């Protein structure tokens, strides 16, 4: 299938599909005329990529984990493979740290808002 068909079936723009290819997440066959030719498994791969992006994973980690997931008909199912658990734990810690910093910022803003004096 061509890129337009993959975009239609996944709801992902052509531009994003090209970006996924640049990141090594998709590897379409290049036809002699330069067109990209995608296979049926690429539809599931795009769904998996979107799921992992929604979980906050960067594309570099997704590239490592993508071969470790499959579809069971209801969605993405991860299969433990070397490095998967450590990568997921590391990313979870990174996200938890970001949440903590954002909560600190939120508390500081709440304090500022609580102490704002109306103009004289």
PDB file of N, CA and C in Angstrom:
ATOM      1  N   UNK A   1       0.849  -1.178   0.000  1.00  0.00           N
ATOM      2  CA  UNK A   1       0.000   0.000   0.000  1.00  0.00           C
ATOM      3  C   UNK A   1       0.889   1.234   0.000  1.00  0.00           C
ATOM      4  N   UNK A   2       0.396   2.304  -0.572  1.00  0.00           N
ATOM      5  CA  UNK A   2       1.161   3.549  -0.630  1.00  0.00           C
ATOM      6  C   UNK A   2       0.931   4.365   0.629  1.00  0.00           C
ATOM      7  N   UNK A   3       1.697   5.423   0.785  1.00  0.00           N
ATOM      8  CA  UNK A   3       1.687   6.210   2.012  1.00  0.00           C
ATOM      9  C   UNK A   3       0.310   6.824   2.298  1.00  0.00           C
ATOM     10  N   UNK A   4      -0.400   7.226   1.264  1.00  0.00           N
ATOM     11  CA  UNK A   4      -1.733   7.802   1.467  1.00  0.00           C
ATOM     12  C   UNK A   4      -2.706   6.800   2.071  1.00  0.00           C
ATOM     13  N   UNK A   5      -2.626   5.557   1.623  1.00  0.00           N
ATOM     14  CA  UNK A   5      -3.480   4.501   2.160  1.00  0.00           C
ATOM     15  C   UNK A   5      -3.127   4.205   3.618  1.00  0.00           C
ATOM     16  N   UNK A   6      -1.827   4.157   3.933  1.00  0.00           N
ATOM     17  CA  UNK A   6      -1.412   3.928   5.318  1.00  0.00           C
ATOM     18  C   UNK A   6      -1.868   5.086   6.203  1.00  0.00           C
ATOM     19  N   UNK A   7      -1.757   6.292   5.702  1.00  0.00           N
ATOM     20  CA  UNK A   7      -2.217   7.463   6.462  1.00  0.00           C
ATOM     21  C   UNK A   7      -3.719   7.368   6.723  1.00  0.00           C
ATOM     22  N   UNK A   8      -4.475   6.999   5.705  1.00  0.00           N
ATOM     23  CA  UNK A   8      -5.925   6.879   5.857  1.00  0.00           C
ATOM     24  C   UNK A   8      -6.284   5.801   6.866  1.00  0.00           C
ATOM     25  N   UNK A   9      -5.626   4.665   6.790  1.00  0.00           N
ATOM     26  CA  UNK A   9      -5.968   3.529   7.658  1.00  0.00           C
ATOM     27  C   UNK A   9      -5.536   3.725   9.100  1.00  0.00           C
ATOM     28  N   UNK A  10      -4.514   4.552   9.332  1.00  0.00           N
ATOM     29  CA  UNK A  10      -4.006   4.738  10.697  1.00  0.00           C
ATOM     30  C   UNK A  10      -4.401   6.079  11.309  1.00  0.00           C
ATOM     31  N   UNK A  11      -4.855   7.006  10.474  1.00  0.00           N
ATOM     32  CA  UNK A  11      -5.187   8.336  10.985  1.00  0.00           C
ATOM     33  C   UNK A  11      -3.960   9.182  11.283  1.00  0.00           C
ATOM     34  N   UNK A  12      -2.823   8.778  10.750  1.00  0.00           N
ATOM     35  CA  UNK A  12      -1.561   9.486  10.960  1.00  0.00           C
ATOM     36  C   UNK A  12      -1.190  10.189   9.657  1.00  0.00           C
ATOM     37  N   UNK A  13      -0.736  11.421   9.760  1.00  0.00           N
ATOM     38  CA  UNK A  13      -0.426  12.187   8.552  1.00  0.00           C
ATOM     39  C   UNK A  13       0.751  11.585   7.787  1.00  0.00           C
ATOM     40  N   UNK A  14       0.800  11.885   6.515  1.00  0.00           N
ATOM     41  CA  UNK A  14       1.916  11.428   5.678  1.00  0.00           C
ATOM     42  C   UNK A  14       3.236  11.959   6.217  1.00  0.00           C
ATOM     43  N   UNK A  15       3.215  13.207   6.669  1.00  0.00           N
ATOM     44  CA  UNK A  15       4.429  13.823   7.209  1.00  0.00           C
ATOM     45  C   UNK A  15       4.956  13.029   8.405  1.00  0.00           C
ATOM     46  N   UNK A  16       4.049  12.627   9.310  1.00  0.00           N
ATOM     47  CA  UNK A  16       4.471  11.830  10.462  1.00  0.00           C
ATOM     48  C   UNK A  16       4.966  10.454  10.039  1.00  0.00           C
ATOM     49  N   UNK A  17       4.347   9.851   9.054  1.00  0.00           N
ATOM     50  CA  UNK A  17       4.813   8.557   8.565  1.00  0.00           C
ATOM     51  C   UNK A  17       6.228   8.674   8.006  1.00  0.00           C
ATOM     52  N   UNK A  18       6.502   9.762   7.300  1.00  0.00           N
ATOM     53  CA  UNK A  18       7.861   9.979   6.788  1.00  0.00           C
ATOM     54  C   UNK A  18       8.841  10.169   7.947  1.00  0.00           C
ATOM     55  N   UNK A  19       8.401  10.886   8.987  1.00  0.00           N
ATOM     56  CA  UNK A  19       9.243  11.088  10.166  1.00  0.00           C
ATOM     57  C   UNK A  19       9.540   9.739  10.826  1.00  0.00           C
ATOM     58  N   UNK A  20       8.536   8.887  10.970  1.00  0.00           N
ATOM     59  CA  UNK A  20       8.758   7.560  11.554  1.00  0.00           C
ATOM     60  C   UNK A  20       9.784   6.785  10.732  1.00  0.00           C
ATOM     61  N   UNK A  21       9.729   6.945   9.427  1.00  0.00           N
ATOM     62  CA  UNK A  21      10.716   6.288   8.570  1.00  0.00           C
ATOM     63  C   UNK A  21      12.110   6.860   8.838  1.00  0.00           C
ATOM     64  N   UNK A  22      12.222   8.191   8.935  1.00  0.00           N
ATOM     65  CA  UNK A  22      13.514   8.828   9.223  1.00  0.00           C
ATOM     66  C   UNK A  22      14.089   8.333  10.542  1.00  0.00           C
ATOM     67  N   UNK A  23      13.215   8.060  11.510  1.00  0.00           N
ATOM     68  CA  UNK A  23      13.646   7.592  12.827  1.00  0.00           C
ATOM     69  C   UNK A  23      13.920   6.085  12.860  1.00  0.00           C
ATOM     70  N   UNK A  24      13.701   5.404  11.750  1.00  0.00           N
ATOM     71  CA  UNK A  24      13.945   3.977  11.670  1.00  0.00           C
ATOM     72  C   UNK A  24      12.829   3.126  12.254  1.00  0.00           C
ATOM     73  N   UNK A  25      11.667   3.728  12.471  1.00  0.00           N
ATOM     74  CA  UNK A  25      10.548   2.996  13.047  1.00  0.00           C
ATOM     75  C   UNK A  25       9.759   2.240  11.984  1.00  0.00           C
ATOM     76  N   UNK A  26       9.739   2.758  10.775  1.00  0.00           N
ATOM     77  CA  UNK A  26       9.092   2.098   9.631  1.00  0.00           C
ATOM     78  C   UNK A  26      10.141   1.930   8.542  1.00  0.00           C
ATOM     79  N   UNK A  27      10.055   0.825   7.824  1.00  0.00           N
ATOM     80  CA  UNK A  27      11.013   0.561   6.756  1.00  0.00           C
ATOM     81  C   UNK A  27      10.268   0.113   5.493  1.00  0.00           C
ATOM     82  N   UNK A  28       9.617   1.068   4.819  1.00  0.00           N
ATOM     83  CA  UNK A  28       8.894   0.685   3.607  1.00  0.00           C
ATOM     84  C   UNK A  28       9.872   0.318   2.491  1.00  0.00           C
ATOM     85  N   UNK A  29       9.378  -0.480   1.582  1.00  0.00           N
ATOM     86  CA  UNK A  29      10.146  -0.824   0.377  1.00  0.00           C
ATOM     87  C   UNK A  29      10.071   0.388  -0.546  1.00  0.00           C
ATOM     88  N   UNK A  30      11.188   0.707  -1.184  1.00  0.00           N
ATOM     89  CA  UNK A  30      11.192   1.796  -2.160  1.00  0.00           C
ATOM     90  C   UNK A  30      11.048   1.193  -3.552  1.00  0.00           C
ATOM     91  N   UNK A  31      10.034   1.632  -4.256  1.00  0.00           N
ATOM     92  CA  UNK A  31       9.808   1.170  -5.617  1.00  0.00           C
ATOM     93  C   UNK A  31      10.773   1.885  -6.558  1.00  0.00           C
ATOM     94  N   UNK A  32      10.972   1.363  -7.765  1.00  0.00           N
ATOM     95  CA  UNK A  32      11.890   2.009  -8.715  1.00  0.00           C
ATOM     96  C   UNK A  32      11.552   3.481  -8.981  1.00  0.00           C
ATOM     97  N   UNK A  33      10.266   3.835  -8.862  1.00  0.00           N
ATOM     98  CA  UNK A  33       9.879   5.229  -9.097  1.00  0.00           C
ATOM     99  C   UNK A  33      10.052   6.102  -7.846  1.00  0.00           C
ATOM    100  N   UNK A  34      10.580   5.509  -6.761  1.00  0.00           N
ATOM    101  CA  UNK A  34      10.830   6.265  -5.534  1.00  0.00           C
ATOM    102  C   UNK A  34       9.686   6.238  -4.540  1.00  0.00           C
ATOM    103  N   UNK A  35       8.542   5.732  -4.951  1.00  0.00           N
ATOM    104  CA  UNK A  35       7.399   5.661  -4.042  1.00  0.00           C
ATOM    105  C   UNK A  35       7.681   4.658  -2.924  1.00  0.00           C
ATOM    106  N   UNK A  36       7.088   4.938  -1.762  1.00  0.00           N
ATOM    107  CA  UNK A  36       7.175   4.012  -0.637  1.00  0.00           C
ATOM    108  C   UNK A  36       6.053   2.989  -0.766  1.00  0.00           C
ATOM    109  N   UNK A  37       6.381   1.742  -0.481  1.00  0.00           N
ATOM    110  CA  UNK A  37       5.382   0.681  -0.492  1.00  0.00           C
ATOM    111  C   UNK A  37       5.363   0.060   0.905  1.00  0.00           C
ATOM    112  N   UNK A  38       4.207   0.186   1.558  1.00  0.00           N
ATOM    113  CA  UNK A  38       4.039  -0.336   2.918  1.00  0.00           C
ATOM    114  C   UNK A  38       3.299  -1.658   2.871  1.00  0.00           C
ATOM    115  N   UNK A  39       3.532  -2.487   3.882  1.00  0.00           N
ATOM    116  CA  UNK A  39       2.883  -3.795   3.990  1.00  0.00           C
ATOM    117  C   UNK A  39       1.837  -3.749   5.099  1.00  0.00           C
ATOM    118  N   UNK A  40       1.000  -4.750   5.142  1.00  0.00           N
ATOM    119  CA  UNK A  40      -0.052  -4.832   6.159  1.00  0.00           C
ATOM    120  C   UNK A  40       0.487  -4.722   7.591  1.00  0.00           C
ATOM    121  N   UNK A  41       1.613  -5.365   7.931  1.00  0.00           N
ATOM    122  CA  UNK A  41       2.134  -5.232   9.301  1.00  0.00           C
ATOM    123  C   UNK A  41       2.491  -3.791   9.696  1.00  0.00           C
ATOM    124  N   UNK A  42       2.699  -2.916   8.709  1.00  0.00           N
ATOM    125  CA  UNK A  42       3.002  -1.516   9.016  1.00  0.00           C
ATOM    126  C   UNK A  42       1.807  -0.807   9.657  1.00  0.00           C
ATOM    127  N   UNK A  43       0.605  -1.254   9.367  1.00  0.00           N
ATOM    128  CA  UNK A  43      -0.589  -0.661   9.988  1.00  0.00           C
ATOM    129  C   UNK A  43      -0.516  -0.885  11.496  1.00  0.00           C
ATOM    130  N   UNK A  44      -0.236  -2.123  11.900  1.00  0.00           N
ATOM    131  CA  UNK A  44      -0.103  -2.430  13.329  1.00  0.00           C
ATOM    132  C   UNK A  44       1.092  -1.702  13.926  1.00  0.00           C
ATOM    133  N   UNK A  45       2.193  -1.637  13.191  1.00  0.00           N
ATOM    134  CA  UNK A  45       3.392  -0.954  13.696  1.00  0.00           C
ATOM    135  C   UNK A  45       3.093   0.506  14.004  1.00  0.00           C
ATOM    136  N   UNK A  46       2.343   1.172  13.140  1.00  0.00           N
ATOM    137  CA  UNK A  46       1.998   2.579  13.389  1.00  0.00           C
ATOM    138  C   UNK A  46       1.133   2.685  14.646  1.00  0.00           C
ATOM    139  N   UNK A  47       0.195   1.765  14.821  1.00  0.00           N
ATOM    140  CA  UNK A  47      -0.617   1.781  16.052  1.00  0.00           C
ATOM    141  C   UNK A  47       0.268   1.597  17.286  1.00  0.00           C
ATOM    142  N   UNK A  48       1.237   0.701  17.199  1.00  0.00           N
ATOM    143  CA  UNK A  48       2.151   0.473  18.319  1.00  0.00           C
ATOM    144  C   UNK A  48       2.991   1.718  18.596  1.00  0.00           C
ATOM    145  N   UNK A  49       3.481   2.340  17.547  1.00  0.00           N
ATOM    146  CA  UNK A  49       4.274   3.564  17.693  1.00  0.00           C
ATOM    147  C   UNK A  49       3.439   4.627  18.397  1.00  0.00           C
ATOM    148  N   UNK A  50       2.202   4.805  17.964  1.00  0.00           N
ATOM    149  CA  UNK A  50       1.323   5.820  18.566  1.00  0.00           C
ATOM    150  C   UNK A  50       1.057   5.507  20.040  1.00  0.00           C
ATOM    151  N   UNK A  51       0.872   4.236  20.371  1.00  0.00           N
ATOM    152  CA  UNK A  51       0.644   3.836  21.761  1.00  0.00           C
ATOM    153  C   UNK A  51       1.861   4.162  22.624  1.00  0.00           C
ATOM    154  N   UNK A  52       3.031   3.859  22.120  1.00  0.00           N
ATOM    155  CA  UNK A  52       4.251   4.121  22.894  1.00  0.00           C
ATOM    156  C   UNK A  52       4.546   5.615  22.995  1.00  0.00           C
ATOM    157  N   UNK A  53       4.254   6.372  21.942  1.00  0.00           N
ATOM    158  CA  UNK A  53       4.408   7.823  22.029  1.00  0.00           C
ATOM    159  C   UNK A  53       3.455   8.397  23.072  1.00  0.00           C
ATOM    160  N   UNK A  54       2.224   7.896  23.106  1.00  0.00           N
ATOM    161  CA  UNK A  54       1.248   8.366  24.092  1.00  0.00           C
ATOM    162  C   UNK A  54       1.696   8.049  25.521  1.00  0.00           C
ATOM    163  N   UNK A  55       2.517   6.996  25.677  1.00  0.00           N
ATOM    164  CA  UNK A  55       3.055   6.642  26.991  1.00  0.00           C
ATOM    165  C   UNK A  55       4.255   7.509  27.366  1.00  0.00           C
ATOM    166  N   UNK A  56       4.648   8.404  26.447  1.00  0.00           N
ATOM    167  CA  UNK A  56       5.748   9.315  26.738  1.00  0.00           C
ATOM    168  C   UNK A  56       7.116   8.813  26.329  1.00  0.00           C
ATOM    169  N   UNK A  57       7.167   7.721  25.578  1.00  0.00           N
ATOM    170  CA  UNK A  57       8.462   7.184  25.171  1.00  0.00           C
ATOM    171  C   UNK A  57       9.019   7.953  23.981  1.00  0.00           C
ATOM    172  N   UNK A  58      10.311   8.258  24.004  1.00  0.00           N
ATOM    173  CA  UNK A  58      10.925   8.906  22.843  1.00  0.00           C
ATOM    174  C   UNK A  58      11.129   7.894  21.715  1.00  0.00           C
ATOM    175  N   UNK A  59      11.264   8.396  20.506  1.00  0.00           N
ATOM    176  CA  UNK A  59      11.386   7.507  19.348  1.00  0.00           C
ATOM    177  C   UNK A  59      12.625   6.625  19.422  1.00  0.00           C
ATOM    178  N   UNK A  60      13.686   7.098  20.086  1.00  0.00           N
ATOM    179  CA  UNK A  60      14.882   6.257  20.206  1.00  0.00           C
ATOM    180  C   UNK A  60      14.587   4.994  21.018  1.00  0.00           C
ATOM    181  N   UNK A  61      13.772   5.124  22.054  1.00  0.00           N
ATOM    182  CA  UNK A  61      13.396   3.960  22.859  1.00  0.00           C
ATOM    183  C   UNK A  61      12.378   3.112  22.108  1.00  0.00           C
ATOM    184  N   UNK A  62      11.454   3.770  21.415  1.00  0.00           N
ATOM    185  CA  UNK A  62      10.451   3.035  20.636  1.00  0.00           C
ATOM    186  C   UNK A  62      11.151   2.145  19.607  1.00  0.00           C
ATOM    187  N   UNK A  63      12.202   2.647  18.984  1.00  0.00           N
ATOM    188  CA  UNK A  63      12.932   1.856  17.994  1.00  0.00           C
ATOM    189  C   UNK A  63      13.487   0.574  18.615  1.00  0.00           C
ATOM    190  N   UNK A  64      13.887   0.637  19.870  1.00  0.00           N
ATOM    191  CA  UNK A  64      14.403  -0.548  20.551  1.00  0.00           C
ATOM    192  C   UNK A  64      13.287  -1.514  20.940  1.00  0.00           C
ATOM    193  N   UNK A  65      12.122  -0.967  21.292  1.00  0.00           N
ATOM    194  CA  UNK A  65      11.039  -1.789  21.821  1.00  0.00           C
ATOM    195  C   UNK A  65      10.073  -2.300  20.759  1.00  0.00           C
ATOM    196  N   UNK A  66      10.001  -1.644  19.622  1.00  0.00           N
ATOM    197  CA  UNK A  66       9.029  -2.014  18.587  1.00  0.00           C
ATOM    198  C   UNK A  66       9.099  -3.489  18.179  1.00  0.00           C
ATOM    199  N   UNK A  67      10.290  -4.062  18.054  1.00  0.00           N
ATOM    200  CA  UNK A  67      10.332  -5.489  17.697  1.00  0.00           C
ATOM    201  C   UNK A  67       9.810  -6.404  18.821  1.00  0.00           C
ATOM    202  N   UNK A  68       9.611  -5.853  20.007  1.00  0.00           N
ATOM    203  CA  UNK A  68       9.206  -6.655  21.173  1.00  0.00           C
ATOM    204  C   UNK A  68       7.698  -6.622  21.420  1.00  0.00           C
ATOM    205  N   UNK A  69       6.932  -6.064  20.500  1.00  0.00           N
ATOM    206  CA  UNK A  69       5.483  -5.999  20.693  1.00  0.00           C
ATOM    207  C   UNK A  69       4.773  -6.649  19.512  1.00  0.00           C
ATOM    208  N   UNK A  70       3.569  -7.109  19.776  1.00  0.00           N
ATOM    209  CA  UNK A  70       2.747  -7.677  18.713  1.00  0.00           C
ATOM    210  C   UNK A  70       1.293  -7.330  18.989  1.00  0.00           C
ATOM    211  N   UNK A  71       0.455  -7.589  18.037  1.00  0.00           N
ATOM    212  CA  UNK A  71      -0.978  -7.327  18.143  1.00  0.00           C
ATOM    213  C   UNK A  71      -1.684  -8.614  18.525  1.00  0.00           C
ATOM    214  N   UNK A  72      -2.645  -8.516  19.443  1.00  0.00           N
ATOM    215  CA  UNK A  72      -3.431  -9.702  19.770  1.00  0.00           C
ATOM    216  C   UNK A  72      -4.876  -9.552  19.319  1.00  0.00           C
ATOM    217  N   UNK A  73      -5.138  -8.538  18.502  1.00  0.00           N
ATOM    218  CA  UNK A  73      -6.499  -8.272  18.041  1.00  0.00           C
ATOM    219  C   UNK A  73      -7.167  -7.185  18.848  1.00  0.00           C
ATOM    220  N   UNK A  74      -6.817  -7.090  20.140  1.00  0.00           N
ATOM    221  CA  UNK A  74      -7.380  -6.052  21.006  1.00  0.00           C
ATOM    222  C   UNK A  74      -6.414  -4.901  21.216  1.00  0.00           C
ATOM    223  N   UNK A  75      -5.196  -5.038  20.762  1.00  0.00           N
ATOM    224  CA  UNK A  75      -4.220  -3.967  20.934  1.00  0.00           C
ATOM    225  C   UNK A  75      -2.812  -4.519  21.064  1.00  0.00           C
ATOM    226  N   UNK A  76      -1.940  -3.650  21.513  1.00  0.00           N
ATOM    227  CA  UNK A  76      -0.527  -3.969  21.602  1.00  0.00           C
ATOM    228  C   UNK A  76      -0.245  -4.841  22.827  1.00  0.00           C
ATOM    229  N   UNK A  77       0.546  -5.886  22.611  1.00  0.00           N
ATOM    230  CA  UNK A  77       0.960  -6.774  23.692  1.00  0.00           C
ATOM    231  C   UNK A  77       2.488  -6.810  23.704  1.00  0.00           C
ATOM    232  N   UNK A  78       3.111  -6.306  24.791  1.00  0.00           N
ATOM    233  CA  UNK A  78       4.573  -6.379  24.859  1.00  0.00           C
ATOM    234  C   UNK A  78       5.034  -7.779  25.239  1.00  0.00           C
ATOM    235  N   UNK A  79       6.140  -8.190  24.654  1.00  0.00           N
ATOM    236  CA  UNK A  79       6.792  -9.442  24.984  1.00  0.00           C
ATOM    237  C   UNK A  79       8.168  -9.089  25.537  1.00  0.00           C
ATOM    238  N   UNK A  80       8.490  -9.623  26.692  1.00  0.00           N
ATOM    239  CA  UNK A  80       9.786  -9.300  27.286  1.00  0.00           C
ATOM    240  C   UNK A  80      10.908  -9.715  26.346  1.00  0.00           C
ATOM    241  N   UNK A  81      11.769  -8.771  26.069  1.00  0.00           N
ATOM    242  CA  UNK A  81      12.962  -9.063  25.290  1.00  0.00           C
ATOM    243  C   UNK A  81      14.107  -8.301  25.951  1.00  0.00           C
ATOM    244  N   UNK A  82      15.336  -8.607  25.606  1.00  0.00           N
ATOM    245  CA  UNK A  82      16.470  -7.982  26.295  1.00  0.00           C
ATOM    246  C   UNK A  82      16.357  -6.460  26.315  1.00  0.00           C
ATOM    247  N   UNK A  83      16.450  -5.913  27.520  1.00  0.00           N
ATOM    248  CA  UNK A  83      16.437  -4.466  27.679  1.00  0.00           C
ATOM    249  C   UNK A  83      15.071  -3.843  27.796  1.00  0.00           C
ATOM    250  N   UNK A  84      14.018  -4.573  27.528  1.00  0.00           N
ATOM    251  CA  UNK A  84      12.689  -3.965  27.541  1.00  0.00           C
ATOM    252  C   UNK A  84      12.331  -3.422  28.922  1.00  0.00           C
ATOM    253  N   UNK A  85      12.427  -4.261  29.931  1.00  0.00           N
ATOM    254  CA  UNK A  85      12.026  -3.850  31.274  1.00  0.00           C
ATOM    255  C   UNK A  85      12.899  -2.702  31.765  1.00  0.00           C
ATOM    256  N   UNK A  86      14.203  -2.778  31.551  1.00  0.00           N
ATOM    257  CA  UNK A  86      15.085  -1.703  32.010  1.00  0.00           C
ATOM    258  C   UNK A  86      14.794  -0.396  31.271  1.00  0.00           C
ATOM    259  N   UNK A  87      14.519  -0.468  29.979  1.00  0.00           N
ATOM    260  CA  UNK A  87      14.156   0.737  29.225  1.00  0.00           C
ATOM    261  C   UNK A  87      12.855   1.345  29.737  1.00  0.00           C
ATOM    262  N   UNK A  88      11.857   0.495  29.962  1.00  0.00           N
ATOM    263  CA  UNK A  88      10.572   1.002  30.458  1.00  0.00           C
ATOM    264  C   UNK A  88      10.714   1.599  31.853  1.00  0.00           C
ATOM    265  N   UNK A  89      11.480   0.962  32.716  1.00  0.00           N
ATOM    266  CA  UNK A  89      11.692   1.510  34.070  1.00  0.00           C
ATOM    267  C   UNK A  89      12.428   2.839  34.013  1.00  0.00           C
ATOM    268  N   UNK A  90      13.443   2.923  33.177  1.00  0.00           N
ATOM    269  CA  UNK A  90      14.195   4.177  33.043  1.00  0.00           C
ATOM    270  C   UNK A  90      13.294   5.304  32.559  1.00  0.00           C
ATOM    271  N   UNK A  91      12.461   5.013  31.565  1.00  0.00           N
ATOM    272  CA  UNK A  91      11.556   6.036  31.046  1.00  0.00           C
ATOM    273  C   UNK A  91      10.503   6.414  32.080  1.00  0.00           C
ATOM    274  N   UNK A  92      10.039   5.444  32.866  1.00  0.00           N
ATOM    275  CA  UNK A  92       9.072   5.744  33.919  1.00  0.00           C
ATOM    276  C   UNK A  92       9.695   6.671  34.961  1.00  0.00           C
ATOM    277  N   UNK A  93      10.945   6.411  35.338  1.00  0.00           N
ATOM    278  CA  UNK A  93      11.648   7.275  36.291  1.00  0.00           C
ATOM    279  C   UNK A  93      11.821   8.680  35.721  1.00  0.00           C
ATOM    280  N   UNK A  94      12.143   8.761  34.439  1.00  0.00           N
ATOM    281  CA  UNK A  94      12.301  10.080  33.801  1.00  0.00           C
ATOM    282  C   UNK A  94      10.989  10.852  33.852  1.00  0.00           C
ATOM    283  N   UNK A  95       9.901  10.180  33.522  1.00  0.00           N
ATOM    284  CA  UNK A  95       8.585  10.829  33.526  1.00  0.00           C
ATOM    285  C   UNK A  95       8.186  11.217  34.952  1.00  0.00           C
ATOM    286  N   UNK A  96       8.456  10.335  35.920  1.00  0.00           N
ATOM    287  CA  UNK A  96       8.141  10.648  37.320  1.00  0.00           C
ATOM    288  C   UNK A  96       8.909  11.886  37.782  1.00  0.00           C
ATOM    289  N   UNK A  97      10.171  12.005  37.372  1.00  0.00           N
ATOM    290  CA  UNK A  97      10.965  13.189  37.710  1.00  0.00           C
ATOM    291  C   UNK A  97      10.376  14.450  37.097  1.00  0.00           C
ATOM    292  N   UNK A  98       9.918  14.347  35.870  1.00  0.00           N
ATOM    293  CA  UNK A  98       9.290  15.492  35.205  1.00  0.00           C
ATOM    294  C   UNK A  98       8.005  15.895  35.927  1.00  0.00           C
ATOM    295  N   UNK A  99       7.213  14.911  36.305  1.00  0.00           N
ATOM    296  CA  UNK A  99       5.972  15.189  37.040  1.00  0.00           C
ATOM    297  C   UNK A  99       6.290  15.884  38.353  1.00  0.00           C
ATOM    298  N   UNK A 100       7.309  15.415  39.053  1.00  0.00           N
ATOM    299  CA  UNK A 100       7.697  16.024  40.327  1.00  0.00           C
ATOM    300  C   UNK A 100       8.103  17.490  40.132  1.00  0.00           C
ATOM    301  N   UNK A 101       8.891  17.762  39.097  1.00  0.00           N
ATOM    302  CA  UNK A 101       9.304  19.150  38.827  1.00  0.00           C
ATOM    303  C   UNK A 101       8.100  20.017  38.471  1.00  0.00           C
ATOM    304  N   UNK A 102       7.166  19.476  37.700  1.00  0.00           N
ATOM    305  CA  UNK A 102       5.967  20.229  37.344  1.00  0.00           C
ATOM    306  C   UNK A 102       5.095  20.495  38.568  1.00  0.00           C
ATOM    307  N   UNK A 103       5.006  19.530  39.473  1.00  0.00           N
ATOM    308  CA  UNK A 103       4.222  19.734  40.690  1.00  0.00           C
ATOM    309  C   UNK A 103       4.855  20.812  41.571  1.00  0.00           C
ATOM    310  N   UNK A 104       6.187  20.840  41.620  1.00  0.00           N
ATOM    311  CA  UNK A 104       6.883  21.893  42.357  1.00  0.00           C
ATOM    312  C   UNK A 104       6.576  23.255  41.749  1.00  0.00           C
ATOM    313  N   UNK A 105       6.605  23.336  40.432  1.00  0.00           N
ATOM    314  CA  UNK A 105       6.267  24.588  39.739  1.00  0.00           C
ATOM    315  C   UNK A 105       4.822  24.982  40.012  1.00  0.00           C
ATOM    316  N   UNK A 106       3.932  24.006  39.994  1.00  0.00           N
ATOM    317  CA  UNK A 106       2.518  24.285  40.249  1.00  0.00           C
ATOM    318  C   UNK A 106       2.324  24.834  41.662  1.00  0.00           C
ATOM    319  N   UNK A 107       2.994  24.246  42.648  1.00  0.00           N
ATOM    320  CA  UNK A 107       2.882  24.740  44.024  1.00  0.00           C
ATOM    321  C   UNK A 107       3.412  26.168  44.130  1.00  0.00           C
ATOM    322  N   UNK A 108       4.511  26.458  43.447  1.00  0.00           N
ATOM    323  CA  UNK A 108       5.066  27.813  43.475  1.00  0.00           C
ATOM    324  C   UNK A 108       4.077  28.807  42.866  1.00  0.00           C
ATOM    325  N   UNK A 109       3.450  28.431  41.761  1.00  0.00           N
ATOM    326  CA  UNK A 109       2.448  29.306  41.143  1.00  0.00           C
ATOM    327  C   UNK A 109       1.232  29.475  42.044  1.00  0.00           C
ATOM    328  N   UNK A 110       0.809  28.390  42.696  1.00  0.00           N
ATOM    329  CA  UNK A 110      -0.321  28.479  43.628  1.00  0.00           C
ATOM    330  C   UNK A 110      -0.010  29.455  44.759  1.00  0.00           C
ATOM    331  N   UNK A 111       1.218  29.413  45.281  1.00  0.00           N
ATOM    332  CA  UNK A 111       1.628  30.344  46.340  1.00  0.00           C
ATOM    333  C   UNK A 111       1.606  31.767  45.836  1.00  0.00           C
ATOM    334  N   UNK A 112       2.125  31.970  44.617  1.00  0.00           N
ATOM    335  CA  UNK A 112       2.113  33.323  44.046  1.00  0.00           C
ATOM    336  C   UNK A 112       0.678  33.820  43.854  1.00  0.00           C
ATOM    337  N   UNK A 113      -0.187  32.977  43.341  1.00  0.00           N
ATOM    338  CA  UNK A 113      -1.566  33.380  43.126  1.00  0.00           C
ATOM    339  C   UNK A 113      -2.280  33.675  44.440  1.00  0.00           C
ATOM    340  N   UNK A 114      -1.969  32.921  45.479  1.00  0.00           N
ATOM    341  CA  UNK A 114      -2.617  33.124  46.784  1.00  0.00           C
ATOM    342  C   UNK A 114      -2.188  34.414  47.442  1.00  0.00           C
ATOM    343  N   UNK A 115      -1.023  34.912  47.047  1.00  0.00           N
ATOM    344  CA  UNK A 115      -0.513  36.115  47.691  1.00  0.00           C
ATOM    345  C   UNK A 115      -0.591  37.366  46.825  1.00  0.00           C
ATOM    346  N   UNK A 116      -1.196  37.238  45.646  1.00  0.00           N
ATOM    347  CA  UNK A 116      -1.321  38.402  44.760  1.00  0.00           C
ATOM    348  C   UNK A 116      -2.240  39.424  45.418  1.00  0.00           C
ATOM    349  N   UNK A 117      -1.776  40.656  45.437  1.00  0.00           N
ATOM    350  CA  UNK A 117      -2.591  41.745  45.978  1.00  0.00           C
ATOM    351  C   UNK A 117      -3.226  42.485  44.830  1.00  0.00           C
ATOM    352  N   UNK A 118      -4.481  42.869  45.010  1.00  0.00           N
ATOM    353  CA  UNK A 118      -5.132  43.625  43.928  1.00  0.00           C
ATOM    354  C   UNK A 118      -4.447  44.992  43.775  1.00  0.00           C
ATOM    355  N   UNK A 119      -4.512  45.558  42.559  1.00  0.00           N
ATOM    356  CA  UNK A 119      -3.906  46.875  42.345  1.00  0.00           C
ATOM    357  C   UNK A 119      -4.538  47.925  43.259  1.00  0.00           C
ATOM    358  N   UNK A 120      -3.729  48.845  43.667  1.00  0.00           N
ATOM    359  CA  UNK A 120      -4.223  49.913  44.588  1.00  0.00           C
ATOM    360  C   UNK A 120      -5.087  50.913  43.873  1.00  0.00           C
TER     361      UNK A 120
END
